[in-house]
């Protein structure tokens, strides 16, 4: 698919936002500024941005535990996301979601979860709502290779196909579920499993190419929007950092040669070269974008620093039920 130069530059801008946002988050959690842990998408930016930019403004998506990048890929403001990571009141969830359970309805991000595969049925419900209400919107369910063997995925795929729902199931296959290699627990290609649910399945072998991901997901999104039902897209990619920041394991389960080969295919560097070599932007323009994004990250950190912590009075708001005896 042919894209305008402005769109191509926006792809680079959003990938840079994810990279620099996650690099800063990595430093912050190690300094104790972010409670809990943080899972970064460093190395997977092409897969995130290519998929998210294939969606329309009114489309929805759900993520997983590694999902700061998904709302950024859909155009979310960085300040409220950063404030959420540090548990501040100006965060997208008022500081209650944190790193693994944030949502940003302003860009159609319905939420993410540390429970493997748990957001897939939510995306399916959004697709059902779209069909029932004739909204013409598409839902995108992100999940990792570690969720590829969860029963909820196949229940959702089955019902989506039976009901002809406008949804795209996207497997972010970074080839490891924490430290478990996918090939040791998953038979065959994940994309091939689509056939069992009467839907198309495609595997993007070069998930470090934002354009390859965009083309595959856009085809699936267009199919869903036209009423032809769900698709499964598997994207082969790689996380450059550890499963979570600061995690220390007794053995290095990824060999040096493997990591080095993937580091050479940094999606941001690859696309930067593409933009330059194809006359989309000159060096000065690309450098300006990098400087602008770096300034955006600093502004996001300042926004988070200036945000107050939530008041105790809101502790029991936005939950399914009030505690026994009502709010305290």
C-alpha atoms as a PDB file:
ATOM      1  CA  UNK A   1       0.000   0.000   0.000  1.00  0.00           C
ATOM      2  CA  UNK A   2       1.307   3.454  -0.943  1.00  0.00           C
ATOM      3  CA  UNK A   3       1.464   5.863   1.991  1.00  0.00           C
ATOM      4  CA  UNK A   4       1.901   9.625   2.044  1.00  0.00           C
ATOM      5  CA  UNK A   5       5.237  10.987   3.220  1.00  0.00           C
ATOM      6  CA  UNK A   6       3.574  12.565   6.260  1.00  0.00           C
ATOM      7  CA  UNK A   7       2.265   9.140   7.292  1.00  0.00           C
ATOM      8  CA  UNK A   8       5.680   7.560   6.855  1.00  0.00           C
ATOM      9  CA  UNK A   9       7.285  10.233   9.011  1.00  0.00           C
ATOM     10  CA  UNK A  10       4.578   9.763  11.632  1.00  0.00           C
ATOM     11  CA  UNK A  11       5.433   6.071  11.764  1.00  0.00           C
ATOM     12  CA  UNK A  12       9.035   6.946  12.562  1.00  0.00           C
ATOM     13  CA  UNK A  13       7.932   9.533  15.107  1.00  0.00           C
ATOM     14  CA  UNK A  14       5.715   7.051  16.952  1.00  0.00           C
ATOM     15  CA  UNK A  15       8.365   4.339  16.960  1.00  0.00           C
ATOM     16  CA  UNK A  16      10.803   6.840  18.455  1.00  0.00           C
ATOM     17  CA  UNK A  17       8.250   7.834  21.082  1.00  0.00           C
ATOM     18  CA  UNK A  18       7.868   4.216  22.160  1.00  0.00           C
ATOM     19  CA  UNK A  19      11.635   3.634  22.224  1.00  0.00           C
ATOM     20  CA  UNK A  20      12.499   6.743  24.237  1.00  0.00           C
ATOM     21  CA  UNK A  21       9.473   6.383  26.522  1.00  0.00           C
ATOM     22  CA  UNK A  22      10.440   2.803  27.379  1.00  0.00           C
ATOM     23  CA  UNK A  23      14.114   3.649  27.778  1.00  0.00           C
ATOM     24  CA  UNK A  24      13.170   6.334  30.283  1.00  0.00           C
ATOM     25  CA  UNK A  25      10.744   3.999  32.054  1.00  0.00           C
ATOM     26  CA  UNK A  26      13.518   1.403  32.321  1.00  0.00           C
ATOM     27  CA  UNK A  27      15.762   3.906  34.083  1.00  0.00           C
ATOM     28  CA  UNK A  28      12.968   5.101  36.351  1.00  0.00           C
ATOM     29  CA  UNK A  29      11.959   1.656  37.593  1.00  0.00           C
ATOM     30  CA  UNK A  30      15.588   0.800  38.361  1.00  0.00           C
ATOM     31  CA  UNK A  31      15.857   4.013  40.387  1.00  0.00           C
ATOM     32  CA  UNK A  32      12.738   3.112  42.330  1.00  0.00           C
ATOM     33  CA  UNK A  33      10.629   5.868  40.779  1.00  0.00           C
ATOM     34  CA  UNK A  34       8.075   3.427  39.337  1.00  0.00           C
ATOM     35  CA  UNK A  35       6.439   0.917  41.706  1.00  0.00           C
ATOM     36  CA  UNK A  36       6.445  -2.734  40.706  1.00  0.00           C
ATOM     37  CA  UNK A  37       8.002  -3.774  37.434  1.00  0.00           C
ATOM     38  CA  UNK A  38       8.059  -2.589  33.828  1.00  0.00           C
ATOM     39  CA  UNK A  39       7.973  -4.550  30.562  1.00  0.00           C
ATOM     40  CA  UNK A  40       9.340  -2.658  27.571  1.00  0.00           C
ATOM     41  CA  UNK A  41       8.670  -3.001  23.841  1.00  0.00           C
ATOM     42  CA  UNK A  42      12.216  -2.001  22.865  1.00  0.00           C
ATOM     43  CA  UNK A  43      12.899  -3.842  19.602  1.00  0.00           C
ATOM     44  CA  UNK A  44       9.224  -4.429  18.842  1.00  0.00           C
ATOM     45  CA  UNK A  45       8.286  -0.882  17.827  1.00  0.00           C
ATOM     46  CA  UNK A  46       7.645  -1.701  14.162  1.00  0.00           C
ATOM     47  CA  UNK A  47       5.150  -4.371  15.080  1.00  0.00           C
ATOM     48  CA  UNK A  48       3.294  -2.037  17.446  1.00  0.00           C
ATOM     49  CA  UNK A  49       3.211   1.048  15.226  1.00  0.00           C
ATOM     50  CA  UNK A  50       2.569  -0.815  11.992  1.00  0.00           C
ATOM     51  CA  UNK A  51      -0.468  -2.491  13.531  1.00  0.00           C
ATOM     52  CA  UNK A  52      -1.830   0.538  15.370  1.00  0.00           C
ATOM     53  CA  UNK A  53      -1.528   2.869  12.397  1.00  0.00           C
ATOM     54  CA  UNK A  54      -3.473   0.382  10.275  1.00  0.00           C
ATOM     55  CA  UNK A  55      -6.472   1.186  12.489  1.00  0.00           C
ATOM     56  CA  UNK A  56      -8.849   4.119  12.112  1.00  0.00           C
ATOM     57  CA  UNK A  57      -9.402   6.721  14.808  1.00  0.00           C
ATOM     58  CA  UNK A  58     -12.611   5.106  16.081  1.00  0.00           C
ATOM     59  CA  UNK A  59     -11.223   1.569  16.216  1.00  0.00           C
ATOM     60  CA  UNK A  60     -10.379  -0.138  19.502  1.00  0.00           C
ATOM     61  CA  UNK A  61      -7.643  -2.422  20.784  1.00  0.00           C
ATOM     62  CA  UNK A  62      -6.496  -4.346  23.823  1.00  0.00           C
ATOM     63  CA  UNK A  63      -2.933  -5.053  24.887  1.00  0.00           C
ATOM     64  CA  UNK A  64      -1.021  -7.276  27.276  1.00  0.00           C
ATOM     65  CA  UNK A  65       1.533  -6.785  30.030  1.00  0.00           C
ATOM     66  CA  UNK A  66       3.988  -5.276  27.513  1.00  0.00           C
ATOM     67  CA  UNK A  67       1.797  -2.457  26.308  1.00  0.00           C
ATOM     68  CA  UNK A  68       2.997   1.064  27.037  1.00  0.00           C
ATOM     69  CA  UNK A  69       3.714   1.251  23.334  1.00  0.00           C
ATOM     70  CA  UNK A  70       0.259   0.360  22.054  1.00  0.00           C
ATOM     71  CA  UNK A  71      -1.550   3.548  23.092  1.00  0.00           C
ATOM     72  CA  UNK A  72       1.518   5.519  21.953  1.00  0.00           C
ATOM     73  CA  UNK A  73       1.275   3.731  18.607  1.00  0.00           C
ATOM     74  CA  UNK A  74      -2.364   4.839  18.392  1.00  0.00           C
ATOM     75  CA  UNK A  75      -1.465   8.459  19.138  1.00  0.00           C
ATOM     76  CA  UNK A  76      -1.899   8.791  22.914  1.00  0.00           C
ATOM     77  CA  UNK A  77      -0.408  11.732  24.814  1.00  0.00           C
ATOM     78  CA  UNK A  78       2.781  10.819  26.626  1.00  0.00           C
ATOM     79  CA  UNK A  79       2.310  12.863  29.806  1.00  0.00           C
ATOM     80  CA  UNK A  80      -0.745  11.010  31.168  1.00  0.00           C
ATOM     81  CA  UNK A  81       0.882   7.676  30.276  1.00  0.00           C
ATOM     82  CA  UNK A  82       4.055   8.547  32.175  1.00  0.00           C
ATOM     83  CA  UNK A  83       2.010   9.805  35.121  1.00  0.00           C
ATOM     84  CA  UNK A  84       0.166   6.491  35.176  1.00  0.00           C
ATOM     85  CA  UNK A  85       3.399   4.529  35.415  1.00  0.00           C
ATOM     86  CA  UNK A  86       4.401   6.405  38.557  1.00  0.00           C
ATOM     87  CA  UNK A  87       0.929   6.107  40.101  1.00  0.00           C
ATOM     88  CA  UNK A  88      -0.034   9.769  39.866  1.00  0.00           C
ATOM     89  CA  UNK A  89      -3.523  11.298  39.777  1.00  0.00           C
ATOM     90  CA  UNK A  90      -3.052  12.810  36.306  1.00  0.00           C
ATOM     91  CA  UNK A  91      -2.399   9.381  34.837  1.00  0.00           C
ATOM     92  CA  UNK A  92      -4.759   7.886  32.258  1.00  0.00           C
ATOM     93  CA  UNK A  93      -6.294   5.711  34.985  1.00  0.00           C
ATOM     94  CA  UNK A  94      -5.804   8.115  37.842  1.00  0.00           C
ATOM     95  CA  UNK A  95      -2.710   6.257  38.978  1.00  0.00           C
ATOM     96  CA  UNK A  96      -4.572   3.011  39.659  1.00  0.00           C
ATOM     97  CA  UNK A  97      -3.486   1.039  36.619  1.00  0.00           C
ATOM     98  CA  UNK A  98       0.252   1.428  36.646  1.00  0.00           C
ATOM     99  CA  UNK A  99       2.486  -0.149  34.045  1.00  0.00           C
ATOM    100  CA  UNK A 100       0.602  -3.386  33.352  1.00  0.00           C
ATOM    101  CA  UNK A 101      -3.049  -2.381  33.687  1.00  0.00           C
ATOM    102  CA  UNK A 102      -3.462   0.970  31.995  1.00  0.00           C
ATOM    103  CA  UNK A 103      -6.119   1.997  29.474  1.00  0.00           C
ATOM    104  CA  UNK A 104      -6.630   5.122  27.399  1.00  0.00           C
ATOM    105  CA  UNK A 105     -10.145   5.304  26.022  1.00  0.00           C
ATOM    106  CA  UNK A 106      -9.325   8.570  24.225  1.00  0.00           C
ATOM    107  CA  UNK A 107      -7.419   6.579  21.605  1.00  0.00           C
ATOM    108  CA  UNK A 108      -9.497   3.401  21.824  1.00  0.00           C
ATOM    109  CA  UNK A 109      -7.118   1.519  24.121  1.00  0.00           C
ATOM    110  CA  UNK A 110      -9.521  -0.580  26.228  1.00  0.00           C
ATOM    111  CA  UNK A 111      -6.899  -1.942  28.582  1.00  0.00           C
ATOM    112  CA  UNK A 112      -4.168  -4.448  29.171  1.00  0.00           C
ATOM    113  CA  UNK A 113      -3.425  -7.005  31.834  1.00  0.00           C
ATOM    114  CA  UNK A 114      -0.689  -9.028  33.458  1.00  0.00           C
ATOM    115  CA  UNK A 115      -2.954 -12.091  33.219  1.00  0.00           C
ATOM    116  CA  UNK A 116      -1.835 -13.830  30.035  1.00  0.00           C
ATOM    117  CA  UNK A 117      -4.490 -13.705  27.322  1.00  0.00           C
ATOM    118  CA  UNK A 118      -7.108 -12.054  29.507  1.00  0.00           C
ATOM    119  CA  UNK A 119      -7.644  -8.996  27.315  1.00  0.00           C
ATOM    120  CA  UNK A 120      -8.535 -11.041  24.218  1.00  0.00           C
ATOM    121  CA  UNK A 121     -12.201 -11.589  25.240  1.00  0.00           C
ATOM    122  CA  UNK A 122     -12.503  -7.850  25.929  1.00  0.00           C
ATOM    123  CA  UNK A 123     -11.444  -7.059  22.369  1.00  0.00           C
ATOM    124  CA  UNK A 124     -13.922  -9.655  21.154  1.00  0.00           C
ATOM    125  CA  UNK A 125     -16.681  -8.013  23.177  1.00  0.00           C
ATOM    126  CA  UNK A 126     -15.815  -4.664  21.607  1.00  0.00           C
ATOM    127  CA  UNK A 127     -16.096  -6.251  18.166  1.00  0.00           C
ATOM    128  CA  UNK A 128     -19.478  -7.729  19.081  1.00  0.00           C
ATOM    129  CA  UNK A 129     -20.654  -4.317  20.250  1.00  0.00           C
ATOM    130  CA  UNK A 130     -19.505  -2.766  17.000  1.00  0.00           C
ATOM    131  CA  UNK A 131     -21.480  -5.286  14.969  1.00  0.00           C
ATOM    132  CA  UNK A 132     -24.642  -5.113  17.068  1.00  0.00           C
ATOM    133  CA  UNK A 133     -24.630  -1.311  17.030  1.00  0.00           C
ATOM    134  CA  UNK A 134     -23.510  -1.160  13.362  1.00  0.00           C
ATOM    135  CA  UNK A 135     -20.630   1.149  14.295  1.00  0.00           C
ATOM    136  CA  UNK A 136     -18.311  -0.106  11.519  1.00  0.00           C
ATOM    137  CA  UNK A 137     -15.370  -0.022  13.924  1.00  0.00           C
ATOM    138  CA  UNK A 138     -12.740  -2.760  14.126  1.00  0.00           C
ATOM    139  CA  UNK A 139     -11.195  -4.284  17.246  1.00  0.00           C
ATOM    140  CA  UNK A 140      -7.569  -5.415  17.469  1.00  0.00           C
ATOM    141  CA  UNK A 141      -6.476  -7.954  20.088  1.00  0.00           C
ATOM    142  CA  UNK A 142      -2.739  -8.025  20.803  1.00  0.00           C
ATOM    143  CA  UNK A 143      -1.304 -11.112  22.503  1.00  0.00           C
ATOM    144  CA  UNK A 144       2.119 -12.695  22.819  1.00  0.00           C
ATOM    145  CA  UNK A 145       3.329 -16.121  21.788  1.00  0.00           C
ATOM    146  CA  UNK A 146       3.011 -17.075  25.446  1.00  0.00           C
ATOM    147  CA  UNK A 147      -0.767 -16.587  25.162  1.00  0.00           C
ATOM    148  CA  UNK A 148      -1.028 -18.572  21.947  1.00  0.00           C
ATOM    149  CA  UNK A 149      -1.975 -21.735  23.828  1.00  0.00           C
ATOM    150  CA  UNK A 150      -4.544 -20.153  26.137  1.00  0.00           C
ATOM    151  CA  UNK A 151      -8.083 -21.457  25.835  1.00  0.00           C
ATOM    152  CA  UNK A 152      -9.633 -17.990  25.890  1.00  0.00           C
ATOM    153  CA  UNK A 153      -7.904 -17.184  22.582  1.00  0.00           C
ATOM    154  CA  UNK A 154      -9.533 -20.102  20.797  1.00  0.00           C
ATOM    155  CA  UNK A 155     -12.926 -19.500  22.387  1.00  0.00           C
ATOM    156  CA  UNK A 156     -12.727 -15.921  21.160  1.00  0.00           C
ATOM    157  CA  UNK A 157     -11.556 -16.921  17.678  1.00  0.00           C
ATOM    158  CA  UNK A 158     -14.333 -19.487  17.385  1.00  0.00           C
ATOM    159  CA  UNK A 159     -17.139 -17.121  18.393  1.00  0.00           C
ATOM    160  CA  UNK A 160     -15.681 -14.313  16.295  1.00  0.00           C
ATOM    161  CA  UNK A 161     -15.786 -16.525  13.236  1.00  0.00           C
ATOM    162  CA  UNK A 162     -19.261 -17.907  13.982  1.00  0.00           C
ATOM    163  CA  UNK A 163     -20.642 -14.413  14.491  1.00  0.00           C
ATOM    164  CA  UNK A 164     -18.566 -12.757  11.756  1.00  0.00           C
ATOM    165  CA  UNK A 165     -17.099 -10.162  14.105  1.00  0.00           C
ATOM    166  CA  UNK A 166     -14.892  -7.257  12.955  1.00  0.00           C
ATOM    167  CA  UNK A 167     -11.744  -8.217  14.857  1.00  0.00           C
ATOM    168  CA  UNK A 168      -8.086  -8.878  14.140  1.00  0.00           C
ATOM    169  CA  UNK A 169      -6.141 -11.215  16.419  1.00  0.00           C
ATOM    170  CA  UNK A 170      -2.472 -10.225  16.411  1.00  0.00           C
ATOM    171  CA  UNK A 171       0.202 -12.473  17.891  1.00  0.00           C
ATOM    172  CA  UNK A 172       3.345 -10.571  18.870  1.00  0.00           C
ATOM    173  CA  UNK A 173       5.704 -13.517  18.507  1.00  0.00           C
ATOM    174  CA  UNK A 174       8.925 -12.324  20.134  1.00  0.00           C
ATOM    175  CA  UNK A 175       9.788 -16.019  20.458  1.00  0.00           C
ATOM    176  CA  UNK A 176      10.026 -16.193  24.231  1.00  0.00           C
ATOM    177  CA  UNK A 177       7.416 -16.340  26.963  1.00  0.00           C
ATOM    178  CA  UNK A 178       9.595 -14.898  29.712  1.00  0.00           C
ATOM    179  CA  UNK A 179      12.452 -17.438  29.327  1.00  0.00           C
ATOM    180  CA  UNK A 180      10.544 -20.237  27.572  1.00  0.00           C
ATOM    181  CA  UNK A 181      11.368 -20.564  23.846  1.00  0.00           C
ATOM    182  CA  UNK A 182       8.166 -20.714  21.815  1.00  0.00           C
ATOM    183  CA  UNK A 183       9.310 -23.750  19.824  1.00  0.00           C
ATOM    184  CA  UNK A 184       9.488 -25.840  23.020  1.00  0.00           C
ATOM    185  CA  UNK A 185       5.803 -25.356  23.862  1.00  0.00           C
ATOM    186  CA  UNK A 186       4.050 -24.429  20.614  1.00  0.00           C
ATOM    187  CA  UNK A 187       3.546 -26.804  17.687  1.00  0.00           C
ATOM    188  CA  UNK A 188       3.693 -25.418  14.167  1.00  0.00           C
ATOM    189  CA  UNK A 189       3.073 -21.854  13.063  1.00  0.00           C
ATOM    190  CA  UNK A 190       0.602 -19.904  15.138  1.00  0.00           C
ATOM    191  CA  UNK A 191      -0.802 -18.256  12.008  1.00  0.00           C
ATOM    192  CA  UNK A 192      -1.732 -21.685  10.597  1.00  0.00           C
ATOM    193  CA  UNK A 193      -4.170 -22.213  13.457  1.00  0.00           C
ATOM    194  CA  UNK A 194      -6.525 -19.721  11.821  1.00  0.00           C
ATOM    195  CA  UNK A 195      -7.665 -22.419   9.388  1.00  0.00           C
ATOM    196  CA  UNK A 196      -9.344 -24.322  12.197  1.00  0.00           C
ATOM    197  CA  UNK A 197     -11.611 -21.339  12.791  1.00  0.00           C
ATOM    198  CA  UNK A 198     -12.409 -20.619   9.145  1.00  0.00           C
ATOM    199  CA  UNK A 199     -10.518 -17.335   9.014  1.00  0.00           C
ATOM    200  CA  UNK A 200      -7.422 -16.126   7.144  1.00  0.00           C
ATOM    201  CA  UNK A 201      -4.067 -16.462   8.880  1.00  0.00           C
ATOM    202  CA  UNK A 202      -0.891 -14.720   7.822  1.00  0.00           C
ATOM    203  CA  UNK A 203       2.607 -14.667   9.238  1.00  0.00           C
ATOM    204  CA  UNK A 204       4.736 -11.531   8.864  1.00  0.00           C
ATOM    205  CA  UNK A 205       8.252 -12.941   8.818  1.00  0.00           C
ATOM    206  CA  UNK A 206       9.903  -9.512   8.945  1.00  0.00           C
ATOM    207  CA  UNK A 207       8.246  -7.953  11.948  1.00  0.00           C
ATOM    208  CA  UNK A 208      11.058  -5.405  12.117  1.00  0.00           C
ATOM    209  CA  UNK A 209       9.610  -3.736   9.023  1.00  0.00           C
ATOM    210  CA  UNK A 210       6.872  -1.303   9.991  1.00  0.00           C
ATOM    211  CA  UNK A 211       5.576  -1.308   6.420  1.00  0.00           C
ATOM    212  CA  UNK A 212       5.335  -5.114   6.237  1.00  0.00           C
ATOM    213  CA  UNK A 213       3.338  -5.156   9.467  1.00  0.00           C
ATOM    214  CA  UNK A 214       1.157  -2.262   8.339  1.00  0.00           C
ATOM    215  CA  UNK A 215       0.296  -3.965   5.038  1.00  0.00           C
ATOM    216  CA  UNK A 216      -0.672  -7.260   6.691  1.00  0.00           C
ATOM    217  CA  UNK A 217      -2.751  -5.686   9.437  1.00  0.00           C
ATOM    218  CA  UNK A 218      -4.374  -3.146   7.117  1.00  0.00           C
ATOM    219  CA  UNK A 219      -5.531  -5.978   4.854  1.00  0.00           C
ATOM    220  CA  UNK A 220      -7.081  -7.736   7.868  1.00  0.00           C
ATOM    221  CA  UNK A 221      -8.634  -4.497   9.162  1.00  0.00           C
ATOM    222  CA  UNK A 222     -10.173  -3.699   5.765  1.00  0.00           C
ATOM    223  CA  UNK A 223     -11.569  -7.214   5.585  1.00  0.00           C
ATOM    224  CA  UNK A 224     -13.124  -6.895   9.039  1.00  0.00           C
ATOM    225  CA  UNK A 225     -14.597  -3.468   8.318  1.00  0.00           C
ATOM    226  CA  UNK A 226     -16.218  -4.708   5.121  1.00  0.00           C
ATOM    227  CA  UNK A 227     -18.106  -7.382   7.068  1.00  0.00           C
ATOM    228  CA  UNK A 228     -16.013 -10.387   6.094  1.00  0.00           C
ATOM    229  CA  UNK A 229     -15.110 -11.315   9.663  1.00  0.00           C
ATOM    230  CA  UNK A 230     -11.952 -11.937  11.708  1.00  0.00           C
ATOM    231  CA  UNK A 231      -8.348 -12.665  10.779  1.00  0.00           C
ATOM    232  CA  UNK A 232      -5.253 -13.875  12.594  1.00  0.00           C
ATOM    233  CA  UNK A 233      -1.915 -12.118  12.034  1.00  0.00           C
ATOM    234  CA  UNK A 234       1.308 -13.485  13.524  1.00  0.00           C
ATOM    235  CA  UNK A 235       4.264 -11.088  13.569  1.00  0.00           C
ATOM    236  CA  UNK A 236       7.804 -12.367  14.098  1.00  0.00           C
ATOM    237  CA  UNK A 237       9.725  -9.865  16.209  1.00  0.00           C
ATOM    238  CA  UNK A 238      12.155  -9.697  19.129  1.00  0.00           C
ATOM    239  CA  UNK A 239      12.469  -7.848  22.410  1.00  0.00           C
ATOM    240  CA  UNK A 240      15.924  -6.415  22.899  1.00  0.00           C
ATOM    241  CA  UNK A 241      15.713  -6.102  26.693  1.00  0.00           C
ATOM    242  CA  UNK A 242      14.976  -8.700  29.331  1.00  0.00           C
ATOM    243  CA  UNK A 243      11.389  -9.885  29.884  1.00  0.00           C
ATOM    244  CA  UNK A 244      11.001  -7.211  32.551  1.00  0.00           C
ATOM    245  CA  UNK A 245      13.383  -4.492  33.621  1.00  0.00           C
ATOM    246  CA  UNK A 246      15.701  -5.552  36.419  1.00  0.00           C
ATOM    247  CA  UNK A 247      14.844  -9.244  36.087  1.00  0.00           C
ATOM    248  CA  UNK A 248      17.857 -11.437  36.826  1.00  0.00           C
ATOM    249  CA  UNK A 249      17.837 -15.101  35.860  1.00  0.00           C
ATOM    250  CA  UNK A 250      20.416 -17.741  36.734  1.00  0.00           C
ATOM    251  CA  UNK A 251      21.066 -18.600  33.076  1.00  0.00           C
ATOM    252  CA  UNK A 252      21.114 -16.614  29.854  1.00  0.00           C
ATOM    253  CA  UNK A 253      18.495 -18.429  27.780  1.00  0.00           C
ATOM    254  CA  UNK A 254      19.221 -16.375  24.622  1.00  0.00           C
ATOM    255  CA  UNK A 255      22.589 -16.917  22.992  1.00  0.00           C
ATOM    256  CA  UNK A 256      24.780 -14.005  21.999  1.00  0.00           C
ATOM    257  CA  UNK A 257      24.696 -14.711  18.258  1.00  0.00           C
ATOM    258  CA  UNK A 258      20.909 -14.717  18.205  1.00  0.00           C
ATOM    259  CA  UNK A 259      20.654 -11.422  20.047  1.00  0.00           C
ATOM    260  CA  UNK A 260      23.313  -9.813  17.892  1.00  0.00           C
ATOM    261  CA  UNK A 261      21.519 -10.800  14.682  1.00  0.00           C
ATOM    262  CA  UNK A 262      18.301  -9.180  15.892  1.00  0.00           C
ATOM    263  CA  UNK A 263      20.039  -6.056  17.182  1.00  0.00           C
ATOM    264  CA  UNK A 264      21.306  -5.511  13.654  1.00  0.00           C
ATOM    265  CA  UNK A 265      17.667  -5.304  12.589  1.00  0.00           C
ATOM    266  CA  UNK A 266      16.684  -2.447  14.848  1.00  0.00           C
ATOM    267  CA  UNK A 267      13.322  -1.352  13.370  1.00  0.00           C
ATOM    268  CA  UNK A 268      13.926   2.343  14.005  1.00  0.00           C
ATOM    269  CA  UNK A 269      17.340   2.357  12.342  1.00  0.00           C
ATOM    270  CA  UNK A 270      16.024   0.312   9.435  1.00  0.00           C
ATOM    271  CA  UNK A 271      13.130   2.655   8.786  1.00  0.00           C
ATOM    272  CA  UNK A 272      15.290   5.725   9.209  1.00  0.00           C
ATOM    273  CA  UNK A 273      17.511   4.424   6.414  1.00  0.00           C
ATOM    274  CA  UNK A 274      14.453   3.684   4.285  1.00  0.00           C
ATOM    275  CA  UNK A 275      13.144   7.235   4.701  1.00  0.00           C
ATOM    276  CA  UNK A 276      16.507   8.705   3.769  1.00  0.00           C
ATOM    277  CA  UNK A 277      17.254   6.399   0.848  1.00  0.00           C
ATOM    278  CA  UNK A 278      13.793   6.881  -0.676  1.00  0.00           C
ATOM    279  CA  UNK A 279      13.863  10.652  -0.479  1.00  0.00           C
ATOM    280  CA  UNK A 280      11.066  10.888   2.095  1.00  0.00           C
ATOM    281  CA  UNK A 281      13.167  13.040   4.428  1.00  0.00           C
ATOM    282  CA  UNK A 282      16.665  14.450   4.558  1.00  0.00           C
ATOM    283  CA  UNK A 283      19.082  14.137   7.461  1.00  0.00           C
ATOM    284  CA  UNK A 284      18.078  17.474   8.964  1.00  0.00           C
ATOM    285  CA  UNK A 285      14.384  16.532   9.018  1.00  0.00           C
ATOM    286  CA  UNK A 286      15.057  13.152  10.610  1.00  0.00           C
ATOM    287  CA  UNK A 287      17.324  14.748  13.211  1.00  0.00           C
ATOM    288  CA  UNK A 288      14.631  17.310  13.989  1.00  0.00           C
ATOM    289  CA  UNK A 289      12.075  14.550  14.583  1.00  0.00           C
ATOM    290  CA  UNK A 290      14.478  12.818  16.966  1.00  0.00           C
ATOM    291  CA  UNK A 291      15.058  16.058  18.884  1.00  0.00           C
ATOM    292  CA  UNK A 292      11.332  16.775  19.032  1.00  0.00           C
ATOM    293  CA  UNK A 293      10.541  13.330  20.425  1.00  0.00           C
ATOM    294  CA  UNK A 294      13.313  13.612  23.009  1.00  0.00           C
ATOM    295  CA  UNK A 295      11.767  16.907  24.142  1.00  0.00           C
ATOM    296  CA  UNK A 296       8.335  15.252  24.321  1.00  0.00           C
ATOM    297  CA  UNK A 297       9.728  12.618  26.688  1.00  0.00           C
ATOM    298  CA  UNK A 298      11.225  15.274  28.956  1.00  0.00           C
ATOM    299  CA  UNK A 299       7.886  17.093  28.982  1.00  0.00           C
ATOM    300  CA  UNK A 300       6.102  13.844  29.869  1.00  0.00           C
ATOM    301  CA  UNK A 301       8.442  13.260  32.810  1.00  0.00           C
ATOM    302  CA  UNK A 302       7.876  16.813  34.008  1.00  0.00           C
ATOM    303  CA  UNK A 303       4.112  16.311  33.701  1.00  0.00           C
ATOM    304  CA  UNK A 304       4.382  13.172  35.837  1.00  0.00           C
ATOM    305  CA  UNK A 305       6.597  14.914  38.383  1.00  0.00           C
ATOM    306  CA  UNK A 306       4.136  17.790  38.746  1.00  0.00           C
ATOM    307  CA  UNK A 307       1.093  15.542  39.091  1.00  0.00           C
ATOM    308  CA  UNK A 308      -0.126  14.955  42.657  1.00  0.00           C
ATOM    309  CA  UNK A 309      -0.675  11.498  44.059  1.00  0.00           C
ATOM    310  CA  UNK A 310      -4.323  10.352  44.217  1.00  0.00           C
ATOM    311  CA  UNK A 311      -6.367  11.389  47.234  1.00  0.00           C
ATOM    312  CA  UNK A 312      -7.304   8.646  49.671  1.00  0.00           C
ATOM    313  CA  UNK A 313     -10.967   9.487  49.081  1.00  0.00           C
ATOM    314  CA  UNK A 314     -10.869   8.018  45.553  1.00  0.00           C
ATOM    315  CA  UNK A 315      -9.450   4.645  46.622  1.00  0.00           C
ATOM    316  CA  UNK A 316     -12.815   2.865  46.270  1.00  0.00           C
ATOM    317  CA  UNK A 317     -14.046   4.645  43.167  1.00  0.00           C
ATOM    318  CA  UNK A 318     -14.133   2.973  39.759  1.00  0.00           C
ATOM    319  CA  UNK A 319     -14.411  -0.546  41.169  1.00  0.00           C
ATOM    320  CA  UNK A 320     -17.175  -3.084  40.669  1.00  0.00           C
ATOM    321  CA  UNK A 321     -18.656  -2.674  44.128  1.00  0.00           C
ATOM    322  CA  UNK A 322     -18.241  -0.582  47.211  1.00  0.00           C
ATOM    323  CA  UNK A 323     -16.564  -2.248  50.201  1.00  0.00           C
ATOM    324  CA  UNK A 324     -18.809  -3.538  52.951  1.00  0.00           C
ATOM    325  CA  UNK A 325     -20.256  -0.549  54.741  1.00  0.00           C
ATOM    326  CA  UNK A 326     -19.630   1.845  51.849  1.00  0.00           C
ATOM    327  CA  UNK A 327     -16.692   4.131  51.131  1.00  0.00           C
ATOM    328  CA  UNK A 328     -14.511   5.050  54.075  1.00  0.00           C
END
